[in-house]
């Protein structure tokens, strides 16, 4: 049934998940960069599709889930490092992560972090795409956190946040690209 987004797939297969998700979202691309529409969309050097549309987390749901997990890991590590006993309070983790999730996914159509450019340029493209989203979304997340908390975040928090999120998001996206390249390479 093409109207359902939830299709049973073999666990561990990014390709299967991406293929099955295309049934519900016609603009979603296959992992090998071929458009799911009948006419291939071309991607220009800036990562914007030539037909003028912007990328969305729905274009790459597995990568979006990995980004979500990376931001949650950042928040969990941060909260655990400040807990006296090192425990993690999931409510507090969600509260810390929320402004960063909002800014990361909210700016994604503008930064095109879910476009095909990172896939067509391998690890280098993945790092560049991550940096493009990170430089916009993470400072905005710090601002949103300040607004939600009612005070300006201290400079050490902002510095640690910038460094930690770059490492965690960058590492997650590079890992995604490596796994995707291996899956695509094994099918050729």
N, C-alpha and C. Protein backbone atom coordinates (compact mmCIF):
# COMPACT_ATOMS: atom_id res chain seq x y z
N UNK A 1 0.85 -1.19 0.00
CA UNK A 1 0.00 0.00 0.00
C UNK A 1 0.88 1.24 0.00
N UNK A 2 0.78 2.04 -1.05
CA UNK A 2 1.64 3.22 -1.17
C UNK A 2 1.23 4.36 -0.26
N UNK A 3 0.09 4.29 0.39
CA UNK A 3 -0.34 5.39 1.27
C UNK A 3 0.26 5.26 2.67
N UNK A 4 0.85 4.13 2.98
CA UNK A 4 1.40 3.92 4.32
C UNK A 4 2.88 4.23 4.35
N UNK A 5 3.31 4.94 5.39
CA UNK A 5 4.71 5.26 5.58
C UNK A 5 5.43 4.15 6.33
N UNK A 6 4.69 3.31 7.04
CA UNK A 6 5.28 2.26 7.85
C UNK A 6 5.20 0.95 7.09
N UNK A 7 6.35 0.51 6.58
CA UNK A 7 6.44 -0.70 5.80
C UNK A 7 7.48 -1.58 6.47
N UNK A 8 7.22 -2.85 6.65
CA UNK A 8 8.24 -3.70 7.28
C UNK A 8 9.48 -3.77 6.41
N UNK A 9 10.63 -3.57 7.03
CA UNK A 9 11.90 -3.64 6.30
C UNK A 9 12.88 -4.44 7.11
N UNK A 10 13.91 -4.91 6.44
CA UNK A 10 14.98 -5.64 7.11
C UNK A 10 15.76 -4.65 7.96
N UNK A 11 15.97 -4.96 9.23
CA UNK A 11 16.68 -4.07 10.14
C UNK A 11 18.11 -3.91 9.65
N UNK A 12 18.59 -2.66 9.72
CA UNK A 12 19.96 -2.38 9.32
C UNK A 12 20.11 -1.98 7.87
N UNK A 13 19.04 -1.91 7.15
CA UNK A 13 19.14 -1.58 5.74
C UNK A 13 18.64 -0.17 5.49
N UNK A 14 19.56 0.78 5.42
CA UNK A 14 19.18 2.16 5.13
C UNK A 14 18.50 2.26 3.78
N UNK A 15 19.00 1.49 2.82
CA UNK A 15 18.44 1.53 1.46
C UNK A 15 16.97 1.12 1.49
N UNK A 16 16.64 0.07 2.22
CA UNK A 16 15.25 -0.39 2.28
C UNK A 16 14.35 0.65 2.91
N UNK A 17 14.80 1.25 4.00
CA UNK A 17 13.98 2.25 4.67
C UNK A 17 13.75 3.44 3.76
N UNK A 18 14.81 3.91 3.10
CA UNK A 18 14.66 5.05 2.19
C UNK A 18 13.73 4.69 1.03
N UNK A 19 13.87 3.49 0.45
CA UNK A 19 13.02 3.10 -0.67
C UNK A 19 11.55 3.05 -0.25
N UNK A 20 11.28 2.43 0.91
CA UNK A 20 9.90 2.31 1.37
C UNK A 20 9.30 3.66 1.72
N UNK A 21 10.10 4.58 2.21
CA UNK A 21 9.57 5.90 2.55
C UNK A 21 9.21 6.69 1.31
N UNK A 22 9.80 6.34 0.16
CA UNK A 22 9.49 7.05 -1.07
C UNK A 22 8.06 6.82 -1.54
N UNK A 23 7.47 5.73 -1.12
CA UNK A 23 6.11 5.45 -1.54
C UNK A 23 5.14 6.52 -1.07
N UNK A 24 5.43 7.13 0.08
CA UNK A 24 4.52 8.14 0.62
C UNK A 24 4.94 9.56 0.27
N UNK A 25 6.21 9.76 0.01
CA UNK A 25 6.73 11.10 -0.24
C UNK A 25 7.40 11.12 -1.61
N UNK A 26 6.70 11.58 -2.64
CA UNK A 26 7.24 11.47 -3.99
C UNK A 26 8.53 12.24 -4.23
N UNK A 27 8.86 13.29 -3.41
CA UNK A 27 10.08 14.06 -3.63
C UNK A 27 11.30 13.44 -2.97
N UNK A 28 11.14 12.37 -2.22
CA UNK A 28 12.26 11.76 -1.51
C UNK A 28 13.17 11.06 -2.52
N UNK A 29 14.47 11.18 -2.28
CA UNK A 29 15.45 10.61 -3.18
C UNK A 29 15.94 9.27 -2.67
N UNK A 30 16.35 8.43 -3.62
CA UNK A 30 16.97 7.16 -3.25
C UNK A 30 18.37 7.45 -2.73
N UNK A 31 18.91 6.52 -2.00
CA UNK A 31 20.24 6.71 -1.43
C UNK A 31 21.31 6.84 -2.50
N UNK A 32 21.10 6.27 -3.67
CA UNK A 32 22.13 6.36 -4.70
C UNK A 32 22.03 7.66 -5.50
N UNK A 33 21.19 8.59 -5.07
CA UNK A 33 21.10 9.90 -5.70
C UNK A 33 20.13 9.97 -6.87
N UNK A 34 19.47 8.88 -7.22
CA UNK A 34 18.51 8.89 -8.32
C UNK A 34 17.17 9.35 -7.78
N UNK A 35 16.56 10.26 -8.46
CA UNK A 35 15.30 10.82 -8.01
C UNK A 35 14.21 9.77 -8.06
N UNK A 36 13.26 9.87 -7.12
CA UNK A 36 12.15 8.93 -7.13
C UNK A 36 11.06 9.35 -8.10
N UNK A 37 11.16 10.54 -8.65
CA UNK A 37 10.19 10.97 -9.63
C UNK A 37 10.62 10.44 -10.99
N UNK A 38 9.72 10.51 -11.96
CA UNK A 38 10.04 9.96 -13.28
C UNK A 38 11.15 10.76 -13.96
N UNK A 39 11.25 12.03 -13.67
CA UNK A 39 12.30 12.86 -14.26
C UNK A 39 13.32 13.19 -13.19
N UNK A 40 14.61 12.90 -13.45
CA UNK A 40 15.63 13.17 -12.44
C UNK A 40 15.74 14.65 -12.18
N UNK A 41 15.83 15.02 -10.88
CA UNK A 41 16.10 16.40 -10.50
C UNK A 41 17.59 16.57 -10.42
N UNK A 42 18.08 17.67 -10.92
CA UNK A 42 19.51 17.93 -10.85
C UNK A 42 19.78 18.86 -9.69
N UNK A 43 20.94 18.69 -9.08
CA UNK A 43 21.32 19.49 -7.94
C UNK A 43 22.47 20.40 -8.35
N UNK A 44 22.31 21.70 -8.06
CA UNK A 44 23.38 22.62 -8.41
C UNK A 44 24.43 22.66 -7.33
N UNK A 45 25.48 23.41 -7.53
CA UNK A 45 26.63 23.42 -6.62
C UNK A 45 26.26 23.88 -5.22
N UNK A 46 25.25 24.70 -5.05
CA UNK A 46 24.85 25.18 -3.74
C UNK A 46 23.99 24.17 -2.99
N UNK A 47 23.60 23.10 -3.64
CA UNK A 47 22.79 22.09 -2.97
C UNK A 47 21.30 22.30 -3.15
N UNK A 48 20.90 23.35 -3.81
CA UNK A 48 19.49 23.60 -4.06
C UNK A 48 19.10 22.88 -5.33
N UNK A 49 17.95 22.28 -5.31
CA UNK A 49 17.49 21.59 -6.50
C UNK A 49 17.10 22.63 -7.54
N UNK A 50 17.38 22.31 -8.80
CA UNK A 50 17.20 23.30 -9.85
C UNK A 50 15.75 23.68 -10.07
N UNK A 51 14.82 22.86 -9.64
CA UNK A 51 13.42 23.23 -9.82
C UNK A 51 12.95 24.23 -8.77
N UNK A 52 13.88 24.70 -7.91
CA UNK A 52 13.55 25.74 -6.94
C UNK A 52 13.05 25.23 -5.61
N UNK A 53 12.81 23.93 -5.47
CA UNK A 53 12.33 23.43 -4.19
C UNK A 53 13.48 23.27 -3.21
N UNK A 54 13.15 23.30 -1.94
CA UNK A 54 14.15 23.18 -0.90
C UNK A 54 14.10 21.78 -0.30
N UNK A 55 15.20 21.38 0.32
CA UNK A 55 15.23 20.06 0.93
C UNK A 55 14.47 20.05 2.24
N UNK A 56 14.09 18.87 2.66
CA UNK A 56 13.31 18.68 3.88
C UNK A 56 13.83 17.43 4.59
N UNK A 57 13.67 17.35 5.91
CA UNK A 57 14.04 16.11 6.59
C UNK A 57 13.31 14.88 6.02
N UNK A 58 12.16 15.09 5.41
CA UNK A 58 11.43 13.98 4.79
C UNK A 58 12.14 13.45 3.55
N UNK A 59 13.06 14.24 3.00
CA UNK A 59 13.83 13.78 1.85
C UNK A 59 14.79 12.66 2.24
N UNK A 60 15.23 12.67 3.48
CA UNK A 60 16.16 11.65 3.99
C UNK A 60 15.77 11.31 5.43
N UNK A 61 14.73 10.53 5.61
CA UNK A 61 14.24 10.26 6.96
C UNK A 61 15.25 9.53 7.85
N UNK A 62 16.07 8.67 7.29
CA UNK A 62 17.06 7.96 8.11
C UNK A 62 18.12 8.94 8.60
N UNK A 63 18.58 9.83 7.72
CA UNK A 63 19.55 10.84 8.12
C UNK A 63 18.94 11.79 9.14
N UNK A 64 17.67 12.16 8.96
CA UNK A 64 16.99 13.03 9.93
C UNK A 64 16.90 12.35 11.30
N UNK A 65 16.63 11.05 11.31
CA UNK A 65 16.58 10.31 12.57
C UNK A 65 17.97 10.26 13.22
N UNK A 66 19.01 10.12 12.40
CA UNK A 66 20.38 10.12 12.92
C UNK A 66 20.72 11.49 13.51
N UNK A 67 20.30 12.56 12.84
CA UNK A 67 20.52 13.92 13.36
C UNK A 67 19.79 14.11 14.69
N UNK A 68 18.55 13.64 14.76
CA UNK A 68 17.77 13.72 15.99
C UNK A 68 18.51 13.01 17.13
N UNK A 69 18.98 11.80 16.84
CA UNK A 69 19.70 11.02 17.85
C UNK A 69 20.99 11.73 18.27
N UNK A 70 21.70 12.34 17.32
CA UNK A 70 22.95 13.04 17.63
C UNK A 70 22.69 14.22 18.57
N UNK A 71 21.64 14.97 18.32
CA UNK A 71 21.33 16.11 19.18
C UNK A 71 20.88 15.62 20.56
N UNK A 72 20.15 14.52 20.60
CA UNK A 72 19.75 13.96 21.89
C UNK A 72 20.98 13.45 22.67
N UNK A 73 21.94 12.87 21.98
CA UNK A 73 23.18 12.42 22.64
C UNK A 73 23.91 13.62 23.23
N UNK A 74 24.01 14.69 22.45
CA UNK A 74 24.65 15.92 22.94
C UNK A 74 23.98 16.39 24.24
N UNK A 75 22.66 16.45 24.23
CA UNK A 75 21.92 16.92 25.41
C UNK A 75 22.09 15.96 26.59
N UNK A 76 22.04 14.66 26.31
CA UNK A 76 22.17 13.66 27.39
C UNK A 76 23.56 13.70 28.02
N UNK A 77 24.59 13.80 27.20
CA UNK A 77 25.96 13.87 27.74
C UNK A 77 26.13 15.14 28.57
N UNK A 78 25.59 16.24 28.07
CA UNK A 78 25.67 17.50 28.80
C UNK A 78 24.97 17.44 30.14
N UNK A 79 23.76 16.91 30.15
CA UNK A 79 23.00 16.82 31.41
C UNK A 79 23.66 15.84 32.38
N UNK A 80 24.15 14.73 31.87
CA UNK A 80 24.80 13.74 32.74
C UNK A 80 26.09 14.29 33.34
N UNK A 81 26.79 15.12 32.58
CA UNK A 81 28.05 15.68 33.09
C UNK A 81 27.82 16.68 34.22
N UNK A 82 26.62 17.23 34.31
CA UNK A 82 26.30 18.19 35.37
C UNK A 82 25.53 17.57 36.53
N UNK A 83 25.13 16.32 36.39
CA UNK A 83 24.42 15.63 37.48
C UNK A 83 25.45 15.13 38.49
N UNK A 84 25.14 15.26 39.76
CA UNK A 84 26.06 14.85 40.82
C UNK A 84 26.41 13.37 40.72
N UNK A 85 25.43 12.56 40.37
CA UNK A 85 25.67 11.11 40.28
C UNK A 85 25.81 10.62 38.85
N UNK A 86 25.81 11.53 37.87
CA UNK A 86 25.96 11.15 36.47
C UNK A 86 24.71 10.57 35.84
N UNK A 87 23.59 10.66 36.55
CA UNK A 87 22.34 10.10 36.03
C UNK A 87 21.75 11.01 34.95
N UNK A 88 20.83 10.44 34.21
CA UNK A 88 20.19 11.18 33.12
C UNK A 88 18.70 11.26 33.39
N UNK A 89 18.18 12.48 33.44
CA UNK A 89 16.74 12.74 33.58
C UNK A 89 16.22 13.03 32.17
N UNK A 90 15.41 12.14 31.61
CA UNK A 90 14.97 12.26 30.22
C UNK A 90 14.21 13.56 29.99
N UNK A 91 13.45 14.02 30.97
CA UNK A 91 12.73 15.29 30.82
C UNK A 91 13.69 16.46 30.66
N UNK A 92 14.75 16.45 31.47
CA UNK A 92 15.76 17.51 31.38
C UNK A 92 16.51 17.43 30.05
N UNK A 93 16.79 16.21 29.59
CA UNK A 93 17.47 16.04 28.31
C UNK A 93 16.61 16.60 27.17
N UNK A 94 15.33 16.28 27.19
CA UNK A 94 14.42 16.81 26.17
C UNK A 94 14.34 18.33 26.22
N UNK A 95 14.35 18.87 27.43
CA UNK A 95 14.29 20.32 27.59
C UNK A 95 15.54 20.99 27.01
N UNK A 96 16.70 20.40 27.22
CA UNK A 96 17.94 20.94 26.66
C UNK A 96 17.95 20.77 25.14
N UNK A 97 17.53 19.61 24.66
CA UNK A 97 17.60 19.31 23.23
C UNK A 97 16.59 20.10 22.40
N UNK A 98 15.43 20.41 22.98
CA UNK A 98 14.34 21.01 22.20
C UNK A 98 14.75 22.23 21.36
N UNK A 99 15.40 23.27 21.92
CA UNK A 99 15.72 24.42 21.08
C UNK A 99 16.69 24.08 19.94
N UNK A 100 17.55 23.09 20.16
CA UNK A 100 18.51 22.70 19.13
C UNK A 100 17.84 21.85 18.05
N UNK A 101 16.92 20.99 18.46
CA UNK A 101 16.13 20.23 17.49
C UNK A 101 15.27 21.17 16.65
N UNK A 102 14.64 22.13 17.32
CA UNK A 102 13.80 23.11 16.63
C UNK A 102 14.62 23.91 15.61
N UNK A 103 15.78 24.37 16.01
CA UNK A 103 16.60 25.18 15.09
C UNK A 103 17.19 24.32 13.98
N UNK A 104 17.65 23.10 14.29
CA UNK A 104 18.25 22.23 13.27
C UNK A 104 17.24 21.87 12.18
N UNK A 105 16.09 21.38 12.60
CA UNK A 105 15.08 20.96 11.63
C UNK A 105 14.33 22.16 11.03
N UNK A 106 14.18 23.22 11.82
CA UNK A 106 13.49 24.41 11.32
C UNK A 106 14.27 25.16 10.24
N UNK A 107 15.60 25.15 10.34
CA UNK A 107 16.41 25.84 9.32
C UNK A 107 16.81 24.93 8.18
N UNK A 108 16.52 23.64 8.28
CA UNK A 108 16.98 22.69 7.25
C UNK A 108 16.50 23.01 5.84
N UNK A 109 15.28 23.52 5.64
CA UNK A 109 14.92 23.88 4.26
C UNK A 109 15.77 25.03 3.70
N UNK A 110 16.24 25.90 4.58
CA UNK A 110 17.07 27.03 4.14
C UNK A 110 18.52 26.64 3.93
N UNK A 111 19.02 25.75 4.76
CA UNK A 111 20.42 25.33 4.65
C UNK A 111 20.60 24.12 3.75
N UNK A 112 19.52 23.48 3.35
CA UNK A 112 19.54 22.32 2.45
C UNK A 112 20.41 21.19 2.96
N UNK A 113 20.35 20.92 4.25
CA UNK A 113 21.17 19.86 4.82
C UNK A 113 20.65 18.46 4.48
N UNK A 114 19.49 18.39 3.87
CA UNK A 114 18.97 17.09 3.42
C UNK A 114 18.92 16.99 1.90
N UNK A 115 19.74 17.79 1.23
CA UNK A 115 19.83 17.73 -0.23
C UNK A 115 20.74 16.59 -0.65
N UNK A 116 20.89 16.38 -1.93
CA UNK A 116 21.73 15.29 -2.44
C UNK A 116 23.21 15.66 -2.49
N UNK A 117 23.59 16.90 -2.25
CA UNK A 117 24.99 17.31 -2.39
C UNK A 117 25.92 16.52 -1.51
N UNK A 118 25.54 16.28 -0.27
CA UNK A 118 26.44 15.54 0.62
C UNK A 118 26.60 14.10 0.15
N UNK A 119 25.64 13.58 -0.58
CA UNK A 119 25.75 12.22 -1.07
C UNK A 119 26.58 12.15 -2.34
N UNK A 120 26.51 13.17 -3.17
CA UNK A 120 27.25 13.14 -4.42
C UNK A 120 28.72 13.48 -4.23
N UNK A 121 29.07 14.09 -3.11
CA UNK A 121 30.46 14.47 -2.86
C UNK A 121 31.08 13.67 -1.73
N UNK A 122 30.49 12.57 -1.31
CA UNK A 122 31.07 11.69 -0.31
C UNK A 122 31.27 12.35 1.04
N UNK A 123 32.34 11.94 1.72
CA UNK A 123 32.61 12.42 3.07
C UNK A 123 32.86 13.93 3.09
N UNK A 124 33.59 14.43 2.11
CA UNK A 124 33.86 15.87 2.05
C UNK A 124 32.55 16.66 1.93
N UNK A 125 31.67 16.22 1.07
CA UNK A 125 30.37 16.88 0.92
C UNK A 125 29.54 16.78 2.18
N UNK A 126 29.62 15.64 2.86
CA UNK A 126 28.89 15.46 4.11
C UNK A 126 29.36 16.44 5.17
N UNK A 127 30.67 16.61 5.28
CA UNK A 127 31.24 17.55 6.25
C UNK A 127 30.84 18.98 5.91
N UNK A 128 30.91 19.33 4.63
CA UNK A 128 30.54 20.69 4.21
C UNK A 128 29.06 20.96 4.46
N UNK A 129 28.23 20.00 4.17
CA UNK A 129 26.79 20.17 4.39
C UNK A 129 26.48 20.29 5.88
N UNK A 130 27.13 19.47 6.69
CA UNK A 130 26.95 19.56 8.14
C UNK A 130 27.35 20.94 8.65
N UNK A 131 28.51 21.41 8.20
CA UNK A 131 29.00 22.72 8.65
C UNK A 131 28.04 23.83 8.24
N UNK A 132 27.47 23.72 7.05
CA UNK A 132 26.53 24.72 6.58
C UNK A 132 25.28 24.80 7.47
N UNK A 133 24.76 23.65 7.87
CA UNK A 133 23.61 23.63 8.78
C UNK A 133 23.99 24.02 10.19
N UNK A 134 25.15 23.53 10.65
CA UNK A 134 25.63 23.78 12.01
C UNK A 134 25.86 25.25 12.28
N UNK A 135 26.46 25.96 11.35
CA UNK A 135 26.82 27.37 11.58
C UNK A 135 25.58 28.26 11.71
N UNK A 136 24.46 27.81 11.19
CA UNK A 136 23.21 28.55 11.31
C UNK A 136 22.38 28.04 12.49
N UNK A 137 22.19 26.74 12.54
CA UNK A 137 21.23 26.16 13.49
C UNK A 137 21.70 26.16 14.94
N UNK A 138 22.96 25.90 15.18
CA UNK A 138 23.40 25.78 16.58
C UNK A 138 23.45 27.13 17.28
N UNK A 139 23.98 28.19 16.67
CA UNK A 139 23.87 29.49 17.35
C UNK A 139 22.40 29.89 17.57
N UNK A 140 21.54 29.60 16.58
CA UNK A 140 20.12 29.89 16.75
C UNK A 140 19.55 29.07 17.91
N UNK A 141 19.98 27.81 18.04
CA UNK A 141 19.54 26.98 19.16
C UNK A 141 19.96 27.57 20.50
N UNK A 142 21.17 28.13 20.56
CA UNK A 142 21.64 28.79 21.79
C UNK A 142 20.75 29.99 22.12
N UNK A 143 20.40 30.75 21.08
CA UNK A 143 19.52 31.92 21.28
C UNK A 143 18.15 31.44 21.76
N UNK A 144 17.59 30.43 21.11
CA UNK A 144 16.28 29.91 21.52
C UNK A 144 16.32 29.37 22.95
N UNK A 145 17.39 28.70 23.30
CA UNK A 145 17.52 28.20 24.68
C UNK A 145 17.51 29.36 25.66
N UNK A 146 18.21 30.45 25.31
CA UNK A 146 18.21 31.64 26.16
C UNK A 146 16.82 32.24 26.30
N UNK A 147 16.09 32.28 25.19
CA UNK A 147 14.72 32.82 25.22
C UNK A 147 13.83 31.94 26.10
N UNK A 148 13.92 30.62 25.92
CA UNK A 148 13.10 29.70 26.70
C UNK A 148 13.45 29.73 28.18
N UNK A 149 14.72 29.88 28.50
CA UNK A 149 15.17 29.87 29.89
C UNK A 149 15.07 31.25 30.54
N UNK A 150 15.00 32.29 29.73
CA UNK A 150 14.86 33.64 30.26
C UNK A 150 16.16 34.35 30.58
N UNK A 151 17.28 33.83 30.09
CA UNK A 151 18.56 34.50 30.30
C UNK A 151 19.53 34.12 29.17
N UNK A 152 20.54 34.94 29.00
CA UNK A 152 21.54 34.69 27.96
C UNK A 152 22.44 33.55 28.42
N UNK A 153 22.60 32.52 27.58
CA UNK A 153 23.48 31.42 27.97
C UNK A 153 24.91 31.93 28.20
N UNK A 154 25.58 31.41 29.21
CA UNK A 154 26.96 31.85 29.46
C UNK A 154 27.88 31.44 28.31
N UNK A 155 28.94 32.21 28.09
CA UNK A 155 29.87 31.97 26.99
C UNK A 155 30.44 30.54 27.01
N UNK A 156 30.84 29.99 28.17
CA UNK A 156 31.35 28.62 28.16
C UNK A 156 30.33 27.60 27.62
N UNK A 157 29.05 27.80 27.95
CA UNK A 157 28.01 26.90 27.43
C UNK A 157 27.96 26.98 25.91
N UNK A 158 27.99 28.20 25.38
CA UNK A 158 27.92 28.39 23.93
C UNK A 158 29.13 27.75 23.25
N UNK A 159 30.32 27.96 23.81
CA UNK A 159 31.54 27.42 23.21
C UNK A 159 31.52 25.89 23.23
N UNK A 160 31.19 25.31 24.37
CA UNK A 160 31.13 23.84 24.48
C UNK A 160 30.05 23.29 23.55
N UNK A 161 28.91 23.97 23.49
CA UNK A 161 27.83 23.55 22.61
C UNK A 161 28.26 23.56 21.15
N UNK A 162 28.92 24.62 20.73
CA UNK A 162 29.37 24.71 19.33
C UNK A 162 30.35 23.59 19.00
N UNK A 163 31.31 23.35 19.87
CA UNK A 163 32.31 22.32 19.61
C UNK A 163 31.69 20.92 19.65
N UNK A 164 30.93 20.65 20.71
CA UNK A 164 30.35 19.31 20.89
C UNK A 164 29.37 18.96 19.77
N UNK A 165 28.52 19.89 19.39
CA UNK A 165 27.55 19.58 18.34
C UNK A 165 28.23 19.39 16.99
N UNK A 166 29.28 20.15 16.72
CA UNK A 166 30.01 19.96 15.45
C UNK A 166 30.61 18.56 15.40
N UNK A 167 31.20 18.13 16.50
CA UNK A 167 31.82 16.80 16.54
C UNK A 167 30.76 15.71 16.44
N UNK A 168 29.69 15.83 17.24
CA UNK A 168 28.67 14.77 17.27
C UNK A 168 27.88 14.72 15.97
N UNK A 169 27.38 15.88 15.50
CA UNK A 169 26.62 15.89 14.24
C UNK A 169 27.52 15.52 13.06
N UNK A 170 28.73 16.08 13.04
CA UNK A 170 29.66 15.78 11.94
C UNK A 170 30.00 14.30 11.91
N UNK A 171 30.31 13.73 13.06
CA UNK A 171 30.64 12.31 13.12
C UNK A 171 29.48 11.43 12.70
N UNK A 172 28.29 11.78 13.15
CA UNK A 172 27.09 11.01 12.80
C UNK A 172 26.85 11.05 11.30
N UNK A 173 26.98 12.22 10.70
CA UNK A 173 26.72 12.36 9.27
C UNK A 173 27.81 11.70 8.42
N UNK A 174 29.05 11.74 8.87
CA UNK A 174 30.12 11.04 8.16
C UNK A 174 29.87 9.53 8.22
N UNK A 175 29.51 9.03 9.40
CA UNK A 175 29.19 7.61 9.54
C UNK A 175 28.03 7.22 8.62
N UNK A 176 27.01 8.05 8.56
CA UNK A 176 25.87 7.80 7.66
C UNK A 176 26.36 7.70 6.21
N UNK A 177 27.22 8.63 5.81
CA UNK A 177 27.72 8.65 4.44
C UNK A 177 28.55 7.40 4.14
N UNK A 178 29.39 6.98 5.07
CA UNK A 178 30.22 5.78 4.88
C UNK A 178 29.33 4.54 4.73
N UNK A 179 28.35 4.41 5.62
CA UNK A 179 27.44 3.26 5.55
C UNK A 179 26.67 3.28 4.24
N UNK A 180 26.18 4.44 3.87
CA UNK A 180 25.42 4.57 2.63
C UNK A 180 26.28 4.23 1.42
N UNK A 181 27.50 4.71 1.41
CA UNK A 181 28.41 4.40 0.29
C UNK A 181 28.67 2.90 0.20
N UNK A 182 28.84 2.24 1.34
CA UNK A 182 29.06 0.79 1.34
C UNK A 182 27.83 0.06 0.82
N UNK A 183 26.64 0.50 1.25
CA UNK A 183 25.41 -0.13 0.77
C UNK A 183 25.24 0.07 -0.73
N UNK A 184 25.51 1.26 -1.20
CA UNK A 184 25.38 1.54 -2.63
C UNK A 184 26.44 0.81 -3.44
N UNK A 185 27.64 0.70 -2.89
CA UNK A 185 28.72 0.02 -3.59
C UNK A 185 28.50 -1.47 -3.71
N UNK A 186 27.81 -2.05 -2.73
CA UNK A 186 27.57 -3.49 -2.75
C UNK A 186 26.48 -3.89 -3.74
N UNK A 187 25.72 -2.92 -4.21
CA UNK A 187 24.62 -3.23 -5.12
C UNK A 187 25.02 -3.09 -6.58
N UNK A 188 26.15 -2.49 -6.84
CA UNK A 188 26.56 -2.25 -8.22
C UNK A 188 27.25 -3.45 -8.81
